[in-house]
Protein backbone atom coordinates (compact mmCIF):
# COMPACT_ATOMS: atom_id res chain seq x y z
CA MET A 1 54.73 -73.33 192.85
CA ARG A 2 54.66 -71.73 189.99
CA VAL A 3 57.76 -71.12 187.52
CA VAL A 4 58.28 -67.83 186.12
CA PRO A 5 58.82 -68.24 182.10
CA GLU A 6 62.16 -66.55 181.12
CA ARG A 7 61.31 -63.14 179.55
CA ALA A 8 62.26 -63.01 175.71
CA ASP A 9 64.81 -60.58 176.27
CA ALA A 10 66.21 -62.32 179.05
CA ALA A 11 66.24 -65.37 176.81
CA ARG A 12 68.06 -63.77 173.93
CA ASN A 13 70.77 -62.37 176.41
CA ARG A 14 70.92 -65.83 177.76
CA GLU A 15 71.50 -67.26 174.47
CA ALA A 16 74.24 -64.49 173.33
CA ILE A 17 76.46 -65.28 176.31
CA LEU A 18 76.55 -68.65 175.85
CA THR A 19 77.20 -68.66 172.09
CA ALA A 20 80.19 -65.76 172.46
CA ALA A 21 81.59 -67.89 175.29
CA ALA A 22 81.72 -71.48 173.52
CA ASP A 23 83.66 -69.56 170.67
CA LEU A 24 85.75 -67.74 172.48
CA PHE A 25 86.71 -70.99 174.32
CA ASP A 26 87.84 -72.50 171.35
CA ARG A 27 88.99 -70.37 169.27
CA ALA A 28 91.39 -68.05 172.25
CA GLY A 29 91.26 -70.86 174.99
CA VAL A 30 89.50 -71.20 177.80
CA GLU A 31 92.25 -69.81 180.02
CA THR A 32 92.78 -66.46 178.34
CA VAL A 33 89.22 -65.35 178.10
CA SER A 34 88.12 -62.61 180.35
CA MET A 35 84.22 -61.48 181.18
CA ASN A 36 85.10 -58.64 179.63
CA GLU A 37 85.49 -59.90 176.47
CA ILE A 38 82.86 -62.61 176.45
CA ALA A 39 80.29 -59.50 177.45
CA GLU A 40 81.59 -57.06 174.48
CA ALA A 41 80.92 -60.45 172.35
CA ALA A 42 77.67 -61.20 173.64
CA GLY A 43 76.85 -57.43 172.90
CA VAL A 44 75.76 -57.45 176.62
CA GLY A 45 77.35 -55.08 179.49
CA LYS A 46 78.86 -56.65 182.42
CA GLY A 47 75.81 -56.32 184.97
CA THR A 48 74.02 -58.47 182.60
CA LEU A 49 76.54 -61.15 182.22
CA PHE A 50 77.36 -61.63 185.91
CA ARG A 51 73.72 -61.47 186.67
CA ARG A 52 73.13 -64.39 184.76
CA PHE A 53 76.32 -66.10 185.60
CA SER A 54 78.71 -64.89 188.73
CA ASP A 55 81.82 -66.76 187.94
CA ARG A 56 83.65 -68.04 185.23
CA GLY A 57 83.07 -70.97 186.20
CA SER A 58 79.28 -71.27 186.39
CA LEU A 59 79.47 -70.07 182.62
CA ILE A 60 81.80 -72.99 181.80
CA GLU A 61 79.16 -75.82 183.40
CA ALA A 62 76.46 -73.60 181.23
CA VAL A 63 78.70 -74.26 178.07
CA LEU A 64 79.87 -77.88 178.69
CA ALA A 65 75.61 -78.46 179.64
CA ARG A 66 74.78 -77.23 176.25
CA ARG A 67 77.54 -79.47 174.61
CA ALA A 68 76.23 -82.68 176.95
CA ALA A 69 72.95 -82.46 175.97
CA ALA A 70 73.20 -84.89 173.31
CA LEU A 71 74.68 -87.44 175.15
CA LEU A 72 71.49 -86.55 177.97
CA ARG A 73 68.88 -87.62 175.34
CA GLN A 74 70.66 -90.93 173.93
CA GLU A 75 69.97 -92.31 177.59
CA GLN A 76 66.47 -92.29 176.78
CA GLY A 77 67.13 -93.39 173.25
CA PRO A 78 67.51 -96.85 171.74
CA PRO A 79 70.49 -99.42 173.40
CA PRO A 80 73.00 -99.93 174.38
CA LEU A 81 73.24 -96.24 175.32
CA GLY A 82 69.35 -96.04 176.18
CA PRO A 83 66.98 -98.52 178.11
CA GLY A 84 67.15 -102.62 177.49
CA GLY A 85 70.47 -103.42 176.44
CA GLU A 86 72.69 -106.07 177.55
CA PRO A 87 73.95 -104.36 181.29
CA ALA A 88 77.74 -104.71 180.30
CA GLU A 89 77.53 -103.02 176.75
CA ALA A 90 75.50 -100.68 177.87
CA LEU A 91 78.02 -99.98 180.34
CA ARG A 92 80.65 -99.80 177.93
CA ALA A 93 78.61 -97.83 175.49
CA TYR A 94 78.15 -94.88 178.44
CA LEU A 95 81.69 -94.75 179.36
CA ASP A 96 82.38 -94.41 175.31
CA GLY A 97 80.22 -91.58 175.40
CA LEU A 98 81.41 -89.79 178.36
CA LEU A 99 85.37 -90.35 177.25
CA ASP A 100 84.24 -88.85 173.35
CA LEU A 101 82.37 -85.87 175.74
CA VAL A 102 85.47 -85.20 177.64
CA TRP A 103 87.87 -85.18 175.09
CA ALA A 104 86.38 -82.81 172.74
CA ASN A 105 85.61 -79.98 175.29
CA ARG A 106 89.21 -81.48 177.40
CA SER A 107 90.24 -77.62 177.81
CA LEU A 108 86.74 -76.59 179.54
CA ILE A 109 86.54 -79.59 181.68
CA ARG A 110 90.44 -79.17 182.87
CA ALA A 111 89.36 -75.22 183.79
CA LEU A 112 86.61 -76.59 185.66
CA GLU A 113 88.17 -78.97 187.13
CA HIS A 114 90.75 -76.44 188.96
CA SER A 115 88.41 -73.67 189.67
CA GLY A 116 87.53 -74.89 193.20
CA PRO A 117 87.73 -78.42 195.81
CA ASN A 118 85.71 -80.96 194.42
CA VAL A 119 84.52 -78.91 191.61
CA PHE A 120 84.38 -82.22 189.01
CA TYR A 121 82.51 -84.26 191.14
CA ALA A 122 80.12 -81.62 192.68
CA ASN A 123 78.92 -79.91 189.65
CA PRO A 124 75.18 -80.87 188.55
CA ALA A 125 76.10 -82.71 185.54
CA SER A 126 78.98 -84.52 187.08
CA ARG A 127 76.12 -85.75 190.13
CA HIS A 128 74.50 -87.19 186.89
CA TRP A 129 76.95 -88.90 185.44
CA ILE A 130 78.06 -90.31 188.54
CA ALA A 131 74.84 -91.70 189.30
CA GLU A 132 73.86 -92.52 186.20
CA LEU A 133 77.02 -95.02 185.74
CA THR A 134 76.44 -96.40 189.58
CA ARG A 135 72.82 -97.59 187.98
CA ARG A 136 74.94 -99.13 184.93
CA ILE A 137 77.56 -100.36 187.21
CA ALA A 138 74.82 -102.03 189.81
CA ALA A 139 73.35 -103.71 186.64
CA ALA A 140 76.23 -105.15 185.20
CA ARG A 141 78.17 -106.16 188.20
CA PRO A 142 75.25 -106.55 190.92
CA GLY A 143 76.84 -107.58 194.80
CA GLU A 144 79.83 -105.32 193.95
CA ASP A 145 80.26 -101.34 195.50
CA ALA A 146 78.58 -99.66 192.30
CA ASP A 147 78.76 -96.14 194.34
CA TYR A 148 82.40 -96.52 194.69
CA LEU A 149 83.21 -98.10 191.52
CA ALA A 150 80.94 -95.15 189.40
CA HIS A 151 83.35 -92.69 191.64
CA ILE A 152 86.69 -94.47 190.06
CA LEU A 153 85.69 -95.06 186.98
CA TYR A 154 84.69 -91.08 187.08
CA THR A 155 88.44 -90.03 188.08
CA ALA A 156 89.57 -92.13 185.58
CA LEU A 157 87.66 -89.95 183.15
CA ARG A 158 89.15 -86.70 184.18
CA ALA A 159 90.35 -84.63 181.53
CA ASP A 160 93.96 -84.04 183.11
CA ALA A 161 94.18 -87.64 183.33
CA VAL A 162 93.16 -88.59 179.96
CA ASP A 163 94.91 -85.74 178.53
CA TYR A 164 98.41 -87.08 180.21
CA LEU A 165 98.16 -90.13 179.24
CA HIS A 166 97.34 -89.12 175.55
CA THR A 167 99.98 -86.40 175.34
CA ALA A 168 102.36 -87.42 178.05
CA ARG A 169 102.39 -91.01 177.82
CA GLY A 170 101.37 -91.49 173.99
CA MET A 171 98.26 -93.66 174.29
CA SER A 172 95.98 -93.49 171.49
CA LEU A 173 92.33 -93.05 172.50
CA ASP A 174 91.29 -97.04 171.73
CA ARG A 175 93.83 -97.62 174.56
CA ILE A 176 92.38 -95.67 176.76
CA ARG A 177 89.06 -96.82 175.76
CA ALA A 178 89.71 -100.43 176.29
CA GLY A 179 91.60 -99.63 179.57
CA LEU A 180 88.13 -98.14 180.94
CA HIS A 181 86.21 -101.26 179.41
CA ALA A 182 88.67 -103.64 181.53
CA LEU A 183 88.08 -101.30 184.53
CA ALA A 184 84.22 -101.21 184.23
CA THR A 185 83.58 -104.73 183.30
CA PRO A 186 86.48 -107.15 183.90
CA THR A 187 87.04 -110.25 182.35
CA ALA A 188 87.24 -113.28 184.76
CA PRO A 189 90.32 -115.64 184.33
CA ALA A 190 89.78 -119.00 182.72
CA ASP A 191 89.92 -121.62 185.03
CA THR A 192 92.39 -124.01 184.18
CA GLY A 193 91.94 -126.11 187.00
CA PRO A 194 94.20 -127.12 189.88
CA PRO A 195 98.09 -127.03 189.74
CA ALA A 196 99.67 -129.80 188.52
CA SER A 197 101.70 -132.51 191.91
CA ALA A 198 104.45 -134.50 191.77
CA ASP A 199 101.53 -137.05 191.74
CA THR A 200 100.02 -135.96 189.02
CA VAL A 201 102.64 -135.59 186.47
CA PRO A 202 103.02 -139.05 183.90
CA PRO A 203 105.91 -141.33 184.45
CA THR A 204 106.64 -140.03 181.06
CA ALA A 205 107.04 -136.61 181.65
CA VAL A 206 109.87 -136.83 184.67
CA ALA A 207 113.11 -137.17 182.73
CA GLY A 208 115.69 -139.20 184.24
CA PRO A 209 119.50 -139.08 183.48
CA PRO A 210 120.65 -138.74 180.02
CA ALA A 211 121.85 -142.16 178.91
CA GLY A 212 125.68 -143.68 180.15
CA ALA A 213 125.21 -140.70 183.10
CA VAL A 214 126.62 -141.61 186.33
CA PRO A 215 124.07 -140.85 188.91
CA LEU A 216 124.65 -138.29 192.02
CA GLY A 217 126.52 -140.41 194.80
CA ALA A 218 127.50 -143.22 192.26
CA ALA A 219 130.86 -142.23 191.29
CA THR A 220 133.78 -143.76 193.35
CA VAL A 221 137.54 -142.64 193.92
CA PRO A 222 139.46 -145.29 192.01
CA THR A 223 142.20 -147.53 194.09
CA ALA A 224 145.17 -148.55 193.33
CA ALA A 225 144.16 -151.88 192.81
CA SER A 226 141.33 -150.80 190.15
CA THR A 227 144.21 -148.70 188.61
CA ASP A 228 146.51 -151.88 188.52
CA SER A 229 143.85 -154.21 187.06
CA SER A 230 142.42 -151.92 184.50
CA GLY A 231 146.01 -151.19 183.01
CA GLY A 232 146.71 -155.12 182.63
């Protein structure tokens, strides 16, 4: 099937719309910007805007896709984000890249998360991130359910969750990052051997009664005879 190239004027309109939308979203906040304002700032008609982007959600996705392009390019670059790195390190580096992307664009991502059911997981960019997480988890943790773990880790990267932990719970980004690393590549507990039993405790470790103490059950009630003899 032959791909029809985009006309020059259509490409210019698309670029103008995305540039205007990104600028307005950053300056005024995604919640307050209308499609009319974006069309006016881009210098295009509303019809042109809606032909390119049917709703605000698709426009937010397009702006985010441009900002995610750098991380996508790094996937094909040198390790640890690119191929050839140690699997656990590559997984942690990818989580770092995703966390940085989420934090820098959290207002946009939060708006996308709440724009419809399952949008956070079902949009094209998210499907790519989840698939790449699944691949890296399978390499770092062979034999485990990589698909499930990828969705759990991606859920931990929701912008509303990260924003809540930082803003409401006072967690630093370094603490959030360390938590993601711990979920992704947990450290096995050290093998300290079997618990000590009474048979294995050295005799010197068993504490006896203090010197001069009367063992339980050894004390007797003094009799009159003993009282008399002791008093003489």
